[in-house]
Amino acid sequence: MATAFKTLGQIAPSAGAMTVLYVTPAVTNVTVSSLVMCNQGAATTVRVAVARTAESTLAAYHYIYYDLPIAANDTFIATVGITGAATQEIRCSSQSGLVSFNAFGAEMT
């Protein structure tokens, strides 16, 4: 099994828009080691959810962060160990639309 350490995804979604940060490719397993959320404006809140691609509607159990406050011009770094198989997604949103989301980890094929 080959392992590739990499930037898994980078997005800066519009205000309130739940947007896919990363989708695990077919025949691949993933370990997300860190999520970095950088607020480039006034204080705001963020949401992060993990779900399968087929789950178009998010439920309460999908969220790993829900309305997490991030101070103005601050960065929140989450050291996580999210593991998943094909079609697992990480979705993110911010109240302000001024937050960038970055995921780092390893894909195993």
N, C-alpha and C. Protein backbone atom coordinates (compact mmCIF):
# COMPACT_ATOMS: atom_id res chain seq x y z
N MET A 1 0.84 -1.17 0.00
CA MET A 1 0.00 0.00 0.00
C MET A 1 0.90 1.25 0.00
N ALA A 2 0.71 2.14 -0.99
CA ALA A 2 1.49 3.37 -1.09
C ALA A 2 0.82 4.47 -0.27
N THR A 3 1.64 5.28 0.40
CA THR A 3 1.15 6.38 1.21
C THR A 3 1.67 7.70 0.65
N ALA A 4 0.77 8.66 0.46
CA ALA A 4 1.15 9.99 -0.01
C ALA A 4 0.71 11.02 1.02
N PHE A 5 1.69 11.71 1.63
CA PHE A 5 1.41 12.78 2.57
C PHE A 5 1.22 14.06 1.76
N LYS A 6 0.12 14.77 2.04
CA LYS A 6 -0.18 15.90 1.17
C LYS A 6 -1.18 16.87 1.76
N THR A 7 -1.34 17.99 1.06
CA THR A 7 -2.44 18.90 1.32
C THR A 7 -3.66 18.26 0.67
N LEU A 8 -4.64 17.94 1.49
CA LEU A 8 -5.82 17.23 0.98
C LEU A 8 -6.83 18.17 0.34
N GLY A 9 -6.93 19.38 0.86
CA GLY A 9 -7.89 20.32 0.30
C GLY A 9 -7.72 21.70 0.87
N GLN A 10 -8.09 22.71 0.08
CA GLN A 10 -8.05 24.11 0.48
C GLN A 10 -9.24 24.82 -0.13
N ILE A 11 -10.04 25.49 0.72
CA ILE A 11 -11.20 26.24 0.23
C ILE A 11 -11.39 27.50 1.07
N ALA A 12 -12.14 28.43 0.51
CA ALA A 12 -12.57 29.64 1.22
C ALA A 12 -14.01 29.89 0.79
N PRO A 13 -14.96 29.17 1.41
CA PRO A 13 -16.36 29.24 0.96
C PRO A 13 -17.03 30.58 1.28
N SER A 14 -18.05 30.88 0.51
CA SER A 14 -18.88 32.07 0.74
C SER A 14 -19.59 31.95 2.08
N ALA A 15 -20.03 33.07 2.61
CA ALA A 15 -20.72 33.10 3.91
C ALA A 15 -21.89 32.13 3.95
N GLY A 16 -21.88 31.25 4.95
CA GLY A 16 -22.97 30.31 5.19
C GLY A 16 -23.05 29.15 4.22
N ALA A 17 -22.16 29.07 3.25
CA ALA A 17 -22.23 28.01 2.24
C ALA A 17 -21.43 26.78 2.69
N MET A 18 -22.13 25.70 3.02
CA MET A 18 -21.46 24.45 3.39
C MET A 18 -20.84 23.90 2.11
N THR A 19 -19.50 23.80 2.11
CA THR A 19 -18.74 23.48 0.90
C THR A 19 -17.83 22.29 1.15
N VAL A 20 -17.67 21.44 0.17
CA VAL A 20 -16.81 20.26 0.30
C VAL A 20 -15.35 20.69 0.26
N LEU A 21 -14.62 20.35 1.32
CA LEU A 21 -13.19 20.60 1.42
C LEU A 21 -12.40 19.45 0.81
N TYR A 22 -12.87 18.21 1.03
CA TYR A 22 -12.13 17.04 0.58
C TYR A 22 -13.08 15.86 0.41
N VAL A 23 -12.83 15.07 -0.63
CA VAL A 23 -13.55 13.81 -0.86
C VAL A 23 -12.49 12.72 -1.02
N THR A 24 -12.61 11.65 -0.25
CA THR A 24 -11.68 10.53 -0.39
C THR A 24 -11.91 9.85 -1.73
N PRO A 25 -10.87 9.75 -2.57
CA PRO A 25 -11.02 9.11 -3.88
C PRO A 25 -11.35 7.62 -3.78
N ALA A 26 -11.80 7.06 -4.90
CA ALA A 26 -12.08 5.62 -4.98
C ALA A 26 -10.81 4.83 -4.67
N VAL A 27 -10.96 3.66 -4.14
CA VAL A 27 -9.88 2.73 -3.76
C VAL A 27 -8.78 3.41 -2.96
N THR A 28 -9.18 4.28 -2.06
CA THR A 28 -8.23 5.02 -1.24
C THR A 28 -8.74 5.09 0.18
N ASN A 29 -7.83 5.03 1.14
CA ASN A 29 -8.13 5.33 2.54
C ASN A 29 -7.39 6.61 2.87
N VAL A 30 -7.89 7.34 3.84
CA VAL A 30 -7.28 8.61 4.19
C VAL A 30 -7.17 8.75 5.71
N THR A 31 -6.15 9.46 6.15
CA THR A 31 -6.05 9.92 7.52
C THR A 31 -5.82 11.42 7.46
N VAL A 32 -6.74 12.18 8.00
CA VAL A 32 -6.61 13.63 8.06
C VAL A 32 -5.94 13.95 9.39
N SER A 33 -4.74 14.50 9.32
CA SER A 33 -3.98 14.77 10.55
C SER A 33 -4.29 16.13 11.14
N SER A 34 -4.60 17.11 10.28
CA SER A 34 -4.91 18.43 10.82
C SER A 34 -5.84 19.22 9.91
N LEU A 35 -6.64 20.05 10.55
CA LEU A 35 -7.52 21.00 9.88
C LEU A 35 -7.11 22.39 10.37
N VAL A 36 -6.87 23.30 9.45
CA VAL A 36 -6.48 24.66 9.81
C VAL A 36 -7.56 25.60 9.29
N MET A 37 -8.09 26.42 10.19
CA MET A 37 -9.14 27.37 9.84
C MET A 37 -8.61 28.77 10.14
N CYS A 38 -8.40 29.58 9.11
CA CYS A 38 -7.80 30.90 9.23
C CYS A 38 -8.85 31.98 8.96
N ASN A 39 -9.17 32.75 9.99
CA ASN A 39 -10.16 33.81 9.89
C ASN A 39 -9.45 35.09 9.45
N GLN A 40 -9.86 35.65 8.33
CA GLN A 40 -9.23 36.85 7.80
C GLN A 40 -10.11 38.09 7.97
N GLY A 41 -10.97 38.06 8.98
CA GLY A 41 -11.86 39.20 9.20
C GLY A 41 -12.28 39.29 10.65
N ALA A 42 -13.47 39.85 10.86
CA ALA A 42 -14.03 40.00 12.21
C ALA A 42 -14.36 38.63 12.80
N ALA A 43 -14.56 38.61 14.12
CA ALA A 43 -14.91 37.36 14.81
C ALA A 43 -16.08 36.68 14.10
N THR A 44 -16.01 35.36 14.02
CA THR A 44 -17.03 34.59 13.30
C THR A 44 -17.14 33.20 13.90
N THR A 45 -17.99 32.37 13.32
CA THR A 45 -18.10 30.97 13.73
C THR A 45 -17.93 30.09 12.50
N VAL A 46 -17.50 28.84 12.75
CA VAL A 46 -17.31 27.88 11.66
C VAL A 46 -18.01 26.57 11.99
N ARG A 47 -18.28 25.82 10.93
CA ARG A 47 -18.84 24.47 11.06
C ARG A 47 -18.02 23.53 10.20
N VAL A 48 -17.79 22.32 10.72
CA VAL A 48 -17.09 21.28 9.98
C VAL A 48 -17.85 19.98 10.19
N ALA A 49 -18.15 19.28 9.10
CA ALA A 49 -18.89 18.02 9.17
C ALA A 49 -18.17 16.95 8.35
N VAL A 50 -18.36 15.70 8.74
CA VAL A 50 -17.82 14.56 8.02
C VAL A 50 -19.00 13.65 7.66
N ALA A 51 -19.14 13.37 6.36
CA ALA A 51 -20.27 12.55 5.90
C ALA A 51 -19.87 11.84 4.61
N ARG A 52 -20.69 10.90 4.20
CA ARG A 52 -20.51 10.23 2.92
C ARG A 52 -21.08 11.11 1.81
N THR A 53 -20.54 11.00 0.63
CA THR A 53 -21.01 11.78 -0.52
C THR A 53 -22.51 11.61 -0.71
N ALA A 54 -23.02 10.42 -0.54
CA ALA A 54 -24.44 10.14 -0.74
C ALA A 54 -25.34 10.82 0.28
N GLU A 55 -24.78 11.26 1.39
CA GLU A 55 -25.57 11.91 2.44
C GLU A 55 -25.64 13.41 2.15
N SER A 56 -26.60 13.79 1.31
CA SER A 56 -26.70 15.18 0.90
C SER A 56 -27.19 16.10 2.01
N THR A 57 -27.99 15.57 2.93
CA THR A 57 -28.47 16.36 4.05
C THR A 57 -27.67 16.00 5.29
N LEU A 58 -27.08 17.01 5.92
CA LEU A 58 -26.30 16.76 7.12
C LEU A 58 -27.20 16.65 8.34
N ALA A 59 -26.86 15.70 9.21
CA ALA A 59 -27.57 15.50 10.48
C ALA A 59 -26.65 15.95 11.61
N ALA A 60 -27.20 16.06 12.79
CA ALA A 60 -26.42 16.52 13.95
C ALA A 60 -25.18 15.67 14.17
N TYR A 61 -25.26 14.36 13.93
CA TYR A 61 -24.12 13.47 14.22
C TYR A 61 -22.96 13.63 13.23
N HIS A 62 -23.14 14.34 12.12
CA HIS A 62 -22.06 14.54 11.16
C HIS A 62 -21.05 15.61 11.61
N TYR A 63 -21.48 16.52 12.46
CA TYR A 63 -20.64 17.67 12.79
C TYR A 63 -19.54 17.32 13.79
N ILE A 64 -18.32 17.81 13.48
CA ILE A 64 -17.23 17.70 14.46
C ILE A 64 -16.95 19.07 15.08
N TYR A 65 -17.37 20.14 14.39
CA TYR A 65 -17.38 21.49 14.96
C TYR A 65 -18.67 22.15 14.51
N TYR A 66 -19.38 22.77 15.45
CA TYR A 66 -20.65 23.42 15.13
C TYR A 66 -20.66 24.79 15.80
N ASP A 67 -20.63 25.83 14.99
CA ASP A 67 -20.58 27.21 15.48
C ASP A 67 -19.41 27.45 16.42
N LEU A 68 -18.26 26.90 16.05
CA LEU A 68 -17.02 27.11 16.78
C LEU A 68 -16.58 28.56 16.58
N PRO A 69 -16.42 29.33 17.66
CA PRO A 69 -16.01 30.73 17.49
C PRO A 69 -14.52 30.84 17.16
N ILE A 70 -14.22 31.72 16.23
CA ILE A 70 -12.83 32.06 15.90
C ILE A 70 -12.71 33.57 15.97
N ALA A 71 -11.79 34.05 16.78
CA ALA A 71 -11.61 35.48 16.98
C ALA A 71 -11.17 36.16 15.69
N ALA A 72 -11.30 37.47 15.65
CA ALA A 72 -10.89 38.25 14.49
C ALA A 72 -9.42 38.00 14.17
N ASN A 73 -9.14 37.80 12.91
CA ASN A 73 -7.76 37.62 12.42
C ASN A 73 -6.98 36.56 13.19
N ASP A 74 -7.65 35.45 13.49
CA ASP A 74 -7.04 34.37 14.27
C ASP A 74 -7.11 33.07 13.46
N THR A 75 -6.32 32.11 13.89
CA THR A 75 -6.29 30.80 13.24
C THR A 75 -6.55 29.72 14.28
N PHE A 76 -7.40 28.76 13.92
CA PHE A 76 -7.68 27.61 14.78
C PHE A 76 -7.10 26.39 14.09
N ILE A 77 -6.20 25.69 14.78
CA ILE A 77 -5.59 24.49 14.23
C ILE A 77 -6.07 23.29 15.02
N ALA A 78 -6.72 22.37 14.34
CA ALA A 78 -7.24 21.16 14.98
C ALA A 78 -6.37 19.98 14.59
N THR A 79 -5.74 19.37 15.57
CA THR A 79 -5.00 18.15 15.32
C THR A 79 -5.99 17.01 15.49
N VAL A 80 -6.33 16.38 14.38
CA VAL A 80 -7.38 15.35 14.38
C VAL A 80 -6.82 14.06 13.82
N GLY A 81 -7.56 13.03 13.90
CA GLY A 81 -7.17 11.75 13.33
C GLY A 81 -8.34 11.16 12.59
N ILE A 82 -8.95 11.97 11.74
CA ILE A 82 -10.11 11.51 10.98
C ILE A 82 -9.64 10.47 9.97
N THR A 83 -10.26 9.31 9.99
CA THR A 83 -9.93 8.27 9.02
C THR A 83 -11.15 7.97 8.19
N GLY A 84 -10.92 7.56 6.96
CA GLY A 84 -12.05 7.25 6.12
C GLY A 84 -11.68 6.49 4.87
N ALA A 85 -12.70 6.01 4.23
CA ALA A 85 -12.56 5.27 2.98
C ALA A 85 -13.21 6.09 1.86
N ALA A 86 -13.24 5.50 0.69
CA ALA A 86 -13.77 6.18 -0.49
C ALA A 86 -15.13 6.82 -0.24
N THR A 87 -15.34 7.96 -0.82
CA THR A 87 -16.54 8.79 -0.81
C THR A 87 -16.80 9.52 0.51
N GLN A 88 -15.91 9.44 1.46
CA GLN A 88 -16.09 10.24 2.68
C GLN A 88 -15.71 11.67 2.37
N GLU A 89 -16.50 12.62 2.87
CA GLU A 89 -16.27 14.03 2.61
C GLU A 89 -16.07 14.80 3.91
N ILE A 90 -15.30 15.87 3.80
CA ILE A 90 -15.23 16.87 4.87
C ILE A 90 -15.84 18.13 4.28
N ARG A 91 -16.84 18.67 4.96
CA ARG A 91 -17.54 19.86 4.49
C ARG A 91 -17.38 20.97 5.52
N CYS A 92 -17.24 22.21 5.05
CA CYS A 92 -16.97 23.33 5.94
C CYS A 92 -17.79 24.55 5.56
N SER A 93 -18.03 25.41 6.55
CA SER A 93 -18.65 26.70 6.29
C SER A 93 -18.26 27.68 7.38
N SER A 94 -18.39 28.97 7.07
CA SER A 94 -18.19 30.01 8.08
C SER A 94 -19.34 31.00 7.97
N GLN A 95 -19.62 31.64 9.07
CA GLN A 95 -20.69 32.62 9.11
C GLN A 95 -20.34 33.83 8.25
N SER A 96 -19.07 34.22 8.26
CA SER A 96 -18.65 35.45 7.59
C SER A 96 -18.25 35.29 6.13
N GLY A 97 -17.78 34.11 5.75
CA GLY A 97 -17.25 33.93 4.41
C GLY A 97 -15.82 34.42 4.28
N LEU A 98 -15.18 34.70 5.41
CA LEU A 98 -13.80 35.20 5.41
C LEU A 98 -12.83 34.22 6.05
N VAL A 99 -13.19 32.93 6.04
CA VAL A 99 -12.36 31.90 6.65
C VAL A 99 -11.88 30.94 5.56
N SER A 100 -10.58 30.65 5.58
CA SER A 100 -10.04 29.62 4.69
C SER A 100 -9.86 28.34 5.49
N PHE A 101 -10.10 27.21 4.84
CA PHE A 101 -10.00 25.89 5.46
C PHE A 101 -8.95 25.09 4.70
N ASN A 102 -8.05 24.45 5.43
CA ASN A 102 -7.01 23.61 4.85
C ASN A 102 -6.98 22.28 5.59
N ALA A 103 -6.90 21.20 4.82
CA ALA A 103 -6.79 19.87 5.42
C ALA A 103 -5.47 19.24 4.97
N PHE A 104 -4.76 18.62 5.92
CA PHE A 104 -3.48 17.97 5.65
C PHE A 104 -3.55 16.54 6.17
N GLY A 105 -2.91 15.62 5.45
CA GLY A 105 -2.93 14.24 5.89
C GLY A 105 -2.28 13.31 4.90
N ALA A 106 -2.72 12.06 4.91
CA ALA A 106 -2.13 11.03 4.07
C ALA A 106 -3.20 10.19 3.39
N GLU A 107 -2.98 9.94 2.10
CA GLU A 107 -3.84 9.03 1.35
C GLU A 107 -3.08 7.72 1.14
N MET A 108 -3.77 6.61 1.37
CA MET A 108 -3.19 5.29 1.18
C MET A 108 -3.94 4.58 0.06
N THR A 109 -3.17 4.13 -0.95
CA THR A 109 -3.78 3.42 -2.08
C THR A 109 -3.18 2.04 -2.24
